[in-house]
Protein backbone atom coordinates (compact mmCIF):
# COMPACT_ATOMS: atom_id res chain seq x y z
CA MET A 1 16.51 9.41 -2.80
CA TYR A 2 14.07 11.28 -4.98
CA PRO A 3 13.55 15.03 -4.52
CA GLU A 4 10.37 15.92 -2.65
CA HIS A 5 9.04 18.11 -5.45
CA ILE A 6 8.97 15.02 -7.69
CA VAL A 7 7.26 12.66 -5.24
CA SER A 8 4.86 15.14 -3.66
CA PRO A 9 2.13 14.73 -6.30
CA MET A 10 2.51 10.95 -6.12
CA ARG A 11 2.18 11.03 -2.33
CA SER A 12 -0.91 13.20 -2.51
CA GLU A 13 -2.70 10.73 -4.80
CA LEU A 14 -3.05 8.50 -1.74
CA THR A 15 -3.05 10.97 1.15
CA GLU A 16 -5.96 12.86 -0.42
CA LEU A 17 -7.91 9.60 -0.15
CA GLY A 18 -7.21 9.32 3.57
CA PHE A 19 -3.99 7.32 3.58
CA SER A 20 -1.65 8.09 6.46
CA GLU A 21 1.94 8.60 5.44
CA LEU A 22 4.37 6.59 7.49
CA LYS A 23 7.79 8.21 7.39
CA THR A 24 9.55 6.56 10.33
CA PRO A 25 9.99 3.00 11.57
CA ASP A 26 8.06 3.88 14.75
CA GLU A 27 5.09 5.09 12.71
CA VAL A 28 5.14 1.82 10.75
CA ASP A 29 5.22 -0.23 13.97
CA ASN A 30 2.40 1.82 15.51
CA VAL A 31 0.09 1.37 12.53
CA LEU A 32 0.86 -2.22 11.59
CA SER A 33 0.47 -3.42 15.17
CA LYS A 34 -3.12 -2.14 15.37
CA LYS A 35 -6.08 -4.46 15.69
CA GLY A 36 -8.38 -4.44 12.71
CA THR A 37 -7.69 -4.25 9.00
CA ILE A 38 -4.92 -2.16 7.47
CA LEU A 39 -4.12 -1.57 3.83
CA LEU A 40 -0.48 -0.69 3.27
CA VAL A 41 0.76 0.61 -0.07
CA ILE A 42 4.48 0.81 -0.72
CA ASN A 43 4.36 3.65 -3.20
CA SER A 44 6.89 4.26 -5.95
CA VAL A 45 7.80 6.69 -8.73
CA CYS A 46 7.70 3.94 -11.36
CA GLY A 47 5.19 3.80 -14.16
CA CYS A 48 3.38 0.74 -12.85
CA ALA A 49 2.67 2.58 -9.60
CA ALA A 50 1.30 5.58 -11.50
CA GLY A 51 -0.62 3.71 -14.15
CA ASN A 52 -1.75 0.58 -12.35
CA ALA A 53 -1.24 0.42 -8.57
CA ARG A 54 -2.46 3.81 -7.35
CA PRO A 55 -5.49 3.90 -9.69
CA GLY A 56 -6.38 0.32 -8.72
CA VAL A 57 -6.14 1.16 -5.02
CA LYS A 58 -8.21 4.33 -5.48
CA ASN A 59 -11.00 2.39 -7.13
CA ALA A 60 -10.91 -0.47 -4.62
CA ILE A 61 -11.30 1.70 -1.53
CA LYS A 62 -14.45 3.26 -3.00
CA GLN A 63 -16.12 -0.15 -2.68
CA GLY A 64 -18.12 -1.24 0.35
CA ASN A 65 -15.81 -3.26 2.59
CA CYS A 66 -12.84 -0.95 3.00
CA PRO A 67 -10.04 -1.61 5.51
CA GLU A 68 -10.24 0.36 8.74
CA TYR A 69 -6.82 1.95 8.29
CA LEU A 70 -5.09 3.12 5.13
CA ALA A 71 -1.32 3.69 5.20
CA THR A 72 1.50 4.26 2.77
CA VAL A 73 5.29 4.42 2.71
CA PHE A 74 7.32 5.72 -0.22
CA ALA A 75 10.13 3.59 -1.66
CA GLY A 76 13.25 5.53 -2.57
CA VAL A 77 12.32 8.34 -0.19
CA ASP A 78 11.44 7.14 3.31
CA LYS A 79 14.12 4.45 3.43
CA GLU A 80 13.92 3.53 7.12
CA ALA A 81 10.11 3.37 7.11
CA VAL A 82 10.12 1.22 3.98
CA ALA A 83 12.73 -1.11 5.48
CA LYS A 84 10.58 -1.51 8.60
CA ALA A 85 7.43 -2.11 6.52
CA ARG A 86 9.24 -4.80 4.54
CA GLU A 87 9.95 -6.66 7.77
CA TYR A 88 6.18 -7.08 8.13
CA LEU A 89 5.94 -8.34 4.55
CA LEU A 90 8.25 -11.34 4.99
CA PRO A 91 8.56 -13.91 3.47
CA PHE A 92 7.81 -11.81 0.38
CA PRO A 93 10.91 -10.24 -1.18
CA PRO A 94 11.26 -6.45 -1.37
CA SER A 95 8.95 -5.10 -4.02
CA SER A 96 7.82 -1.63 -4.97
CA PRO A 97 5.19 -0.85 -5.60
CA CYS A 98 3.28 -3.43 -3.63
CA ILE A 99 0.01 -3.55 -1.74
CA ALA A 100 -0.52 -5.49 1.48
CA LEU A 101 -3.58 -6.16 3.60
CA PHE A 102 -3.20 -6.92 7.30
CA LYS A 103 -5.77 -8.16 9.77
CA ASN A 104 -4.99 -7.94 13.47
CA GLY A 105 -1.28 -7.62 12.74
CA GLU A 106 -1.15 -10.58 10.33
CA LEU A 107 -0.39 -10.24 6.63
CA VAL A 108 -3.41 -11.80 4.91
CA HIS A 109 -3.11 -10.62 1.29
CA MET A 110 -0.22 -9.41 -0.84
CA ILE A 111 0.02 -7.93 -4.31
CA GLU A 112 3.64 -7.82 -5.42
CA ARG A 113 5.11 -5.73 -8.22
CA HIS A 114 4.97 -8.66 -10.64
CA HIS A 115 1.20 -8.81 -9.98
CA ILE A 116 0.95 -5.08 -10.81
CA GLU A 117 3.13 -4.84 -13.92
CA GLY A 118 1.19 -5.50 -17.10
CA ARG A 119 -2.18 -5.50 -15.35
CA ASN A 120 -4.71 -2.75 -15.58
CA PRO A 121 -6.12 -0.83 -12.62
CA ASN A 122 -9.43 -2.73 -12.82
CA ASP A 123 -7.64 -6.07 -12.36
CA ILE A 124 -5.85 -4.72 -9.29
CA SER A 125 -9.04 -3.21 -7.94
CA GLU A 126 -10.96 -6.46 -8.38
CA ASN A 127 -8.17 -8.36 -6.61
CA LEU A 128 -8.28 -5.94 -3.69
CA VAL A 129 -12.07 -5.86 -3.47
CA ALA A 130 -12.13 -9.66 -3.25
CA ALA A 131 -9.60 -9.50 -0.40
CA PHE A 132 -11.58 -6.71 1.32
CA ASN A 133 -14.75 -8.81 1.07
CA GLU A 134 -12.97 -11.76 2.62
CA PHE A 135 -11.07 -9.99 5.41
CA CYS A 136 -12.75 -6.63 6.08
CA THR A 137 -16.27 -7.74 6.96
């Protein structure tokens, strides 16, 4: 578990954009069972989250067709919430960071860590915007 003073600035990068923090399994269930479109970011302290994932997500949600709900859980901090979120991400293996798009409770798009590492934020943003245009209209 990482100390809160270390992860707080990383959390706020998403919460300041309107992401709801999910810290318990019940919160994860409540959000991911909603009708509509939901973007879920499994956040992380790693460099690819800081340099690629979060900036890519920030740029993507500024585009036109944004998901109705934005949510995040933090790997290495909110263990039970992350474990519950990963149940919704099956059959994909555990990955952090990762970015998932749900529509009416169904996982419709997934960006795993290996799709984030070595890619720049614009690549991630373009990937997400394409998914938003397909599923969030």
